[in-house]
């Protein structure tokens, strides 16, 4: 079946039903005694019925990671999300993920590793100046 758009009947006639208000244009089942839509009359909007649902292929949800041990169990090419954790742990996970080829959805691995590398270089320069 084609992709039908089910919106409330007579939404164009009254502003309170959604004329210029998209949120109010949602489907409501017709309940009136003489409602032509309820009686499924020809020439009136289609009533929501079984069979109009669009089949959607569901994507696999990414695994949630709390620590390094859990990340080591994940295979190459998979996507993960990391829970709340400190900076040190995030850096460890980013390094392991880059080695294994695992993508982390809520963390930019390259960005965090570059930032850490710059910080280390700055630390080394200050140590050399002190000597």
N, C-alpha and C. Protein backbone atom coordinates (compact mmCIF):
# COMPACT_ATOMS: atom_id res chain seq x y z
N UNK A 1 0.83 -1.19 0.00
CA UNK A 1 0.00 0.00 0.00
C UNK A 1 0.87 1.25 0.00
N UNK A 2 0.32 2.31 -0.52
CA UNK A 2 1.04 3.58 -0.55
C UNK A 2 1.12 4.19 0.84
N UNK A 3 2.03 5.09 0.98
CA UNK A 3 2.19 5.78 2.26
C UNK A 3 1.06 6.79 2.43
N UNK A 4 0.09 6.50 3.26
CA UNK A 4 -1.07 7.36 3.50
C UNK A 4 -0.75 8.34 4.62
N UNK A 5 -1.36 9.50 4.53
CA UNK A 5 -1.20 10.47 5.61
C UNK A 5 -2.55 10.59 6.29
N UNK A 6 -2.62 10.10 7.51
CA UNK A 6 -3.87 10.15 8.25
C UNK A 6 -3.88 11.40 9.12
N UNK A 7 -4.74 12.34 8.76
CA UNK A 7 -4.89 13.53 9.59
C UNK A 7 -6.35 13.68 9.97
N UNK A 8 -6.58 14.44 10.99
CA UNK A 8 -7.92 14.62 11.54
C UNK A 8 -8.89 15.21 10.50
N UNK A 9 -10.08 14.69 10.48
CA UNK A 9 -11.10 15.20 9.56
C UNK A 9 -11.50 16.61 9.98
N UNK A 10 -11.76 17.46 8.99
CA UNK A 10 -12.17 18.86 9.17
C UNK A 10 -11.10 19.72 9.85
N UNK A 11 -9.86 19.34 9.77
CA UNK A 11 -8.81 20.14 10.40
C UNK A 11 -8.65 21.49 9.72
N UNK A 12 -9.11 21.60 8.47
CA UNK A 12 -8.98 22.87 7.75
C UNK A 12 -10.05 23.87 8.15
N UNK A 13 -11.13 23.41 8.77
CA UNK A 13 -12.26 24.28 9.06
C UNK A 13 -12.12 25.07 10.37
N UNK A 14 -11.46 24.50 11.35
CA UNK A 14 -11.36 25.18 12.64
C UNK A 14 -9.89 25.29 13.05
N UNK A 15 -9.51 26.48 13.50
CA UNK A 15 -8.11 26.69 13.88
C UNK A 15 -7.73 25.84 15.09
N UNK A 16 -8.70 25.57 15.97
CA UNK A 16 -8.39 24.75 17.14
C UNK A 16 -8.09 23.30 16.77
N UNK A 17 -8.54 22.87 15.58
CA UNK A 17 -8.27 21.50 15.13
C UNK A 17 -6.97 21.40 14.35
N UNK A 18 -6.32 22.51 14.09
CA UNK A 18 -5.02 22.41 13.47
C UNK A 18 -4.80 23.21 12.23
N UNK A 19 -5.65 24.16 11.91
CA UNK A 19 -5.38 24.99 10.75
C UNK A 19 -4.18 25.89 11.08
N UNK A 20 -3.04 25.59 10.51
CA UNK A 20 -1.81 26.32 10.83
C UNK A 20 -1.14 25.82 12.09
N UNK A 21 -1.59 24.70 12.61
CA UNK A 21 -1.00 24.14 13.84
C UNK A 21 -0.75 22.64 13.60
N UNK A 22 0.45 22.32 13.15
CA UNK A 22 0.79 20.95 12.76
C UNK A 22 0.57 19.93 13.86
N UNK A 23 0.86 20.31 15.11
CA UNK A 23 0.73 19.35 16.22
C UNK A 23 -0.71 18.92 16.43
N UNK A 24 -1.65 19.76 16.06
CA UNK A 24 -3.07 19.44 16.26
C UNK A 24 -3.66 18.65 15.11
N UNK A 25 -2.89 18.46 14.02
CA UNK A 25 -3.40 17.78 12.84
C UNK A 25 -3.28 16.26 12.93
N UNK A 26 -3.03 15.74 14.12
CA UNK A 26 -2.85 14.30 14.27
C UNK A 26 -4.18 13.58 14.17
N UNK A 27 -4.11 12.30 13.87
CA UNK A 27 -5.31 11.48 13.68
C UNK A 27 -6.10 11.31 14.97
N UNK A 28 -7.39 11.50 14.85
CA UNK A 28 -8.33 11.20 15.92
C UNK A 28 -9.44 10.36 15.31
N UNK A 29 -9.83 9.31 15.97
CA UNK A 29 -10.86 8.43 15.44
C UNK A 29 -12.20 9.17 15.39
N UNK A 30 -12.91 9.08 14.26
CA UNK A 30 -14.20 9.74 14.17
C UNK A 30 -15.24 9.04 15.04
N UNK A 31 -15.97 9.81 15.85
CA UNK A 31 -16.91 9.21 16.79
C UNK A 31 -18.35 9.69 16.58
N UNK A 32 -18.55 10.59 15.65
CA UNK A 32 -19.89 11.15 15.45
C UNK A 32 -20.90 10.14 14.92
N UNK A 33 -22.13 10.38 15.26
CA UNK A 33 -23.23 9.48 14.87
C UNK A 33 -23.38 9.42 13.35
N UNK A 34 -23.26 10.59 12.68
CA UNK A 34 -23.45 10.65 11.23
C UNK A 34 -22.13 10.82 10.49
N UNK A 35 -21.03 10.54 11.12
CA UNK A 35 -19.72 10.78 10.52
C UNK A 35 -19.50 9.89 9.30
N UNK A 36 -19.23 10.55 8.18
CA UNK A 36 -19.02 9.81 6.92
C UNK A 36 -17.69 9.07 6.93
N UNK A 37 -16.71 9.66 7.64
CA UNK A 37 -15.41 9.00 7.74
C UNK A 37 -15.54 7.72 8.56
N UNK A 38 -16.31 7.79 9.64
CA UNK A 38 -16.51 6.61 10.50
C UNK A 38 -17.19 5.49 9.72
N UNK A 39 -18.11 5.87 8.82
CA UNK A 39 -18.84 4.88 8.03
C UNK A 39 -18.08 4.45 6.78
N UNK A 40 -16.86 4.98 6.61
CA UNK A 40 -15.97 4.64 5.49
C UNK A 40 -16.63 4.95 4.14
N UNK A 41 -17.26 6.11 4.06
CA UNK A 41 -17.92 6.52 2.82
C UNK A 41 -16.90 6.92 1.77
N UNK A 42 -17.22 6.66 0.53
CA UNK A 42 -16.37 7.01 -0.59
C UNK A 42 -16.25 8.54 -0.70
N UNK A 43 -15.04 9.02 -0.97
CA UNK A 43 -14.84 10.45 -1.12
C UNK A 43 -14.46 11.17 0.16
N UNK A 44 -14.38 10.42 1.27
CA UNK A 44 -14.00 11.00 2.55
C UNK A 44 -12.64 10.44 2.96
N UNK A 45 -11.96 11.11 3.87
CA UNK A 45 -10.64 10.60 4.27
C UNK A 45 -10.69 9.16 4.75
N UNK A 46 -9.63 8.43 4.47
CA UNK A 46 -9.56 7.02 4.86
C UNK A 46 -9.38 6.91 6.36
N UNK A 47 -10.08 5.96 6.94
CA UNK A 47 -9.99 5.69 8.37
C UNK A 47 -8.78 4.79 8.61
N UNK A 48 -8.12 4.97 9.72
CA UNK A 48 -6.97 4.13 10.05
C UNK A 48 -7.46 2.71 10.33
N UNK A 49 -6.88 1.75 9.61
CA UNK A 49 -7.30 0.35 9.76
C UNK A 49 -6.07 -0.55 9.70
N UNK A 50 -6.28 -1.80 10.04
CA UNK A 50 -5.21 -2.78 9.93
C UNK A 50 -4.81 -2.92 8.46
N UNK A 51 -3.50 -2.96 8.22
CA UNK A 51 -3.01 -3.14 6.87
C UNK A 51 -2.31 -1.91 6.32
N UNK A 52 -2.42 -0.79 7.00
CA UNK A 52 -1.77 0.43 6.54
C UNK A 52 -0.39 0.63 7.14
N UNK A 53 0.00 -0.21 8.07
CA UNK A 53 1.28 -0.02 8.75
C UNK A 53 2.44 -0.23 7.78
N UNK A 54 3.43 0.64 7.88
CA UNK A 54 4.62 0.52 7.06
C UNK A 54 5.60 -0.40 7.76
N UNK A 55 6.10 -1.37 7.02
CA UNK A 55 7.10 -2.26 7.63
C UNK A 55 8.44 -1.54 7.63
N UNK A 56 9.06 -1.51 8.79
CA UNK A 56 10.34 -0.83 8.93
C UNK A 56 11.37 -1.82 9.43
N UNK A 57 12.50 -1.85 8.75
CA UNK A 57 13.58 -2.72 9.20
C UNK A 57 14.26 -2.05 10.37
N UNK A 58 14.29 -2.72 11.49
CA UNK A 58 14.89 -2.15 12.68
C UNK A 58 16.39 -2.39 12.69
N UNK A 59 17.11 -1.33 12.99
CA UNK A 59 18.56 -1.44 13.09
C UNK A 59 18.91 -2.00 14.46
N UNK A 60 19.99 -2.75 14.50
CA UNK A 60 20.45 -3.28 15.78
C UNK A 60 20.97 -2.13 16.64
N UNK A 61 20.56 -2.10 17.89
CA UNK A 61 21.02 -1.04 18.78
C UNK A 61 22.48 -1.28 19.14
N UNK A 62 23.26 -0.21 19.21
CA UNK A 62 24.67 -0.38 19.58
C UNK A 62 24.79 -0.84 21.04
N UNK A 63 25.81 -1.65 21.29
CA UNK A 63 26.04 -2.17 22.64
C UNK A 63 26.49 -1.03 23.56
N UNK A 64 26.09 -1.11 24.83
CA UNK A 64 26.49 -0.11 25.81
C UNK A 64 27.71 -0.62 26.57
N UNK A 65 28.71 0.22 26.69
CA UNK A 65 29.98 -0.16 27.29
C UNK A 65 30.22 0.62 28.57
N UNK A 66 30.67 -0.09 29.61
CA UNK A 66 31.01 0.56 30.88
C UNK A 66 32.50 0.55 31.17
N UNK A 67 33.20 -0.46 30.63
CA UNK A 67 34.63 -0.57 30.94
C UNK A 67 35.40 -1.22 29.80
N UNK A 68 36.71 -1.32 29.98
CA UNK A 68 37.61 -1.85 28.96
C UNK A 68 37.34 -3.33 28.69
N UNK A 69 37.04 -4.07 29.75
CA UNK A 69 36.79 -5.51 29.63
C UNK A 69 35.63 -5.79 28.67
N UNK A 70 34.57 -4.98 28.77
CA UNK A 70 33.42 -5.16 27.89
C UNK A 70 33.76 -4.79 26.44
N UNK A 71 34.62 -3.80 26.26
CA UNK A 71 35.01 -3.38 24.91
C UNK A 71 35.84 -4.46 24.22
N UNK A 72 36.64 -5.19 24.99
CA UNK A 72 37.48 -6.24 24.41
C UNK A 72 36.66 -7.40 23.85
N UNK A 73 35.44 -7.57 24.35
CA UNK A 73 34.55 -8.64 23.86
C UNK A 73 33.91 -8.29 22.52
N UNK A 74 33.87 -7.01 22.19
CA UNK A 74 33.23 -6.56 20.96
C UNK A 74 34.13 -6.87 19.77
N UNK A 75 33.49 -7.27 18.65
CA UNK A 75 34.24 -7.63 17.45
C UNK A 75 34.46 -6.43 16.54
N UNK A 76 35.34 -6.59 15.57
CA UNK A 76 35.69 -5.52 14.64
C UNK A 76 34.48 -5.11 13.80
N UNK A 77 34.37 -3.81 13.58
CA UNK A 77 33.31 -3.30 12.72
C UNK A 77 31.99 -3.00 13.41
N UNK A 78 31.85 -3.35 14.67
CA UNK A 78 30.60 -3.08 15.39
C UNK A 78 30.59 -1.65 15.94
N UNK A 79 29.40 -1.20 16.30
CA UNK A 79 29.23 0.13 16.88
C UNK A 79 28.84 -0.01 18.34
N UNK A 80 29.42 0.85 19.17
CA UNK A 80 29.10 0.84 20.60
C UNK A 80 28.84 2.25 21.08
N UNK A 81 28.18 2.36 22.22
CA UNK A 81 28.05 3.64 22.90
C UNK A 81 28.64 3.46 24.29
N UNK A 82 29.26 4.52 24.79
CA UNK A 82 29.86 4.40 26.11
C UNK A 82 29.01 5.14 27.13
N UNK A 83 28.93 4.57 28.31
CA UNK A 83 28.19 5.19 29.41
C UNK A 83 29.03 6.28 30.04
N UNK A 84 28.50 6.92 31.07
CA UNK A 84 29.24 7.97 31.76
C UNK A 84 30.50 7.41 32.37
N UNK A 85 31.60 8.10 32.13
CA UNK A 85 32.88 7.70 32.71
C UNK A 85 33.85 8.86 32.65
N UNK A 86 34.94 8.69 33.35
CA UNK A 86 35.94 9.74 33.42
C UNK A 86 36.80 9.84 32.18
N UNK A 87 37.64 10.87 32.17
CA UNK A 87 38.47 11.17 31.01
C UNK A 87 39.49 10.07 30.74
N UNK A 88 40.13 9.56 31.82
CA UNK A 88 41.16 8.52 31.66
C UNK A 88 40.60 7.29 30.97
N UNK A 89 39.45 6.84 31.44
CA UNK A 89 38.83 5.65 30.88
C UNK A 89 38.41 5.87 29.43
N UNK A 90 37.90 7.07 29.14
CA UNK A 90 37.50 7.39 27.76
C UNK A 90 38.69 7.30 26.82
N UNK A 91 39.84 7.80 27.27
CA UNK A 91 41.05 7.76 26.45
C UNK A 91 41.48 6.32 26.21
N UNK A 92 41.44 5.50 27.26
CA UNK A 92 41.79 4.08 27.13
C UNK A 92 40.87 3.40 26.11
N UNK A 93 39.57 3.64 26.25
CA UNK A 93 38.60 3.02 25.34
C UNK A 93 38.80 3.49 23.91
N UNK A 94 39.11 4.78 23.74
CA UNK A 94 39.33 5.33 22.40
C UNK A 94 40.52 4.66 21.72
N UNK A 95 41.61 4.45 22.47
CA UNK A 95 42.79 3.80 21.90
C UNK A 95 42.49 2.37 21.47
N UNK A 96 41.83 1.63 22.34
CA UNK A 96 41.49 0.22 22.03
C UNK A 96 40.53 0.14 20.85
N UNK A 97 39.56 1.04 20.82
CA UNK A 97 38.57 1.04 19.74
C UNK A 97 39.23 1.34 18.39
N UNK A 98 40.19 2.25 18.40
CA UNK A 98 40.88 2.59 17.14
C UNK A 98 41.72 1.40 16.66
N UNK A 99 42.38 0.71 17.58
CA UNK A 99 43.17 -0.46 17.21
C UNK A 99 42.30 -1.57 16.63
N UNK A 100 41.16 -1.80 17.26
CA UNK A 100 40.27 -2.89 16.85
C UNK A 100 39.37 -2.53 15.67
N UNK A 101 39.21 -1.24 15.38
CA UNK A 101 38.32 -0.83 14.29
C UNK A 101 36.86 -0.79 14.71
N UNK A 102 36.63 -0.47 15.97
CA UNK A 102 35.28 -0.36 16.51
C UNK A 102 34.89 1.12 16.52
N UNK A 103 33.67 1.42 16.08
CA UNK A 103 33.24 2.82 16.09
C UNK A 103 32.41 3.09 17.35
N UNK A 104 32.68 4.24 17.96
CA UNK A 104 31.94 4.65 19.16
C UNK A 104 31.01 5.79 18.75
N UNK A 105 29.72 5.58 18.93
CA UNK A 105 28.73 6.52 18.41
C UNK A 105 28.70 7.85 19.15
N UNK A 106 28.94 7.86 20.45
CA UNK A 106 28.84 9.11 21.20
C UNK A 106 30.20 9.66 21.63
N UNK A 107 31.24 9.35 20.84
CA UNK A 107 32.58 9.85 21.13
C UNK A 107 33.37 9.95 19.83
N UNK A 108 33.97 11.10 19.58
CA UNK A 108 34.82 11.28 18.40
C UNK A 108 36.23 10.82 18.77
N UNK A 109 36.57 9.61 18.36
CA UNK A 109 37.82 8.96 18.76
C UNK A 109 39.04 9.75 18.29
N UNK A 110 39.06 10.13 17.02
CA UNK A 110 40.22 10.85 16.48
C UNK A 110 40.44 12.18 17.20
N UNK A 111 39.37 12.88 17.46
CA UNK A 111 39.45 14.18 18.12
C UNK A 111 40.03 14.06 19.52
N UNK A 112 39.56 13.09 20.29
CA UNK A 112 40.02 12.95 21.68
C UNK A 112 41.48 12.49 21.72
N UNK A 113 41.88 11.62 20.78
CA UNK A 113 43.28 11.16 20.76
C UNK A 113 44.23 12.28 20.34
N UNK A 114 43.80 13.12 19.40
CA UNK A 114 44.64 14.27 19.00
C UNK A 114 44.82 15.23 20.17
N UNK A 115 43.74 15.45 20.89
CA UNK A 115 43.77 16.35 22.04
C UNK A 115 44.75 15.84 23.10
N UNK A 116 44.70 14.55 23.36
CA UNK A 116 45.59 13.93 24.35
C UNK A 116 47.05 14.04 23.90
N UNK A 117 47.26 13.80 22.61
CA UNK A 117 48.62 13.87 22.07
C UNK A 117 49.19 15.29 22.21
N UNK A 118 48.38 16.30 21.94
CA UNK A 118 48.83 17.68 22.08
C UNK A 118 49.17 18.00 23.54
N UNK A 119 48.34 17.50 24.45
CA UNK A 119 48.59 17.73 25.88
C UNK A 119 49.90 17.08 26.31
N UNK A 120 50.18 15.87 25.82
CA UNK A 120 51.42 15.17 26.15
C UNK A 120 52.63 15.92 25.62
N UNK A 121 52.50 16.43 24.38
CA UNK A 121 53.60 17.20 23.79
C UNK A 121 53.87 18.47 24.59
N UNK A 122 52.83 19.13 25.00
CA UNK A 122 52.98 20.34 25.80
C UNK A 122 53.66 20.03 27.14
N UNK A 123 53.29 18.89 27.74
CA UNK A 123 53.90 18.45 29.01
C UNK A 123 55.40 18.21 28.83
N UNK A 124 55.74 17.52 27.75
CA UNK A 124 57.14 17.21 27.47
C UNK A 124 57.97 18.49 27.25
N UNK A 125 57.38 19.47 26.57
CA UNK A 125 58.10 20.73 26.33
C UNK A 125 58.37 21.47 27.63
N UNK A 126 57.41 21.46 28.51
CA UNK A 126 57.60 22.15 29.80
C UNK A 126 58.64 21.44 30.65
N UNK A 127 58.70 20.11 30.57
CA UNK A 127 59.71 19.34 31.31
C UNK A 127 61.12 19.66 30.79
N UNK A 128 61.23 19.76 29.45
CA UNK A 128 62.53 20.06 28.84
C UNK A 128 63.02 21.47 29.21
N UNK A 129 62.10 22.41 29.28
CA UNK A 129 62.47 23.78 29.64
C UNK A 129 62.96 23.87 31.09
N UNK A 130 62.37 23.07 31.98
CA UNK A 130 62.77 23.08 33.36
C UNK A 130 64.16 22.52 33.58
N UNK A 131 64.57 21.62 32.72
CA UNK A 131 65.91 21.00 32.85
C UNK A 131 66.97 21.92 32.44
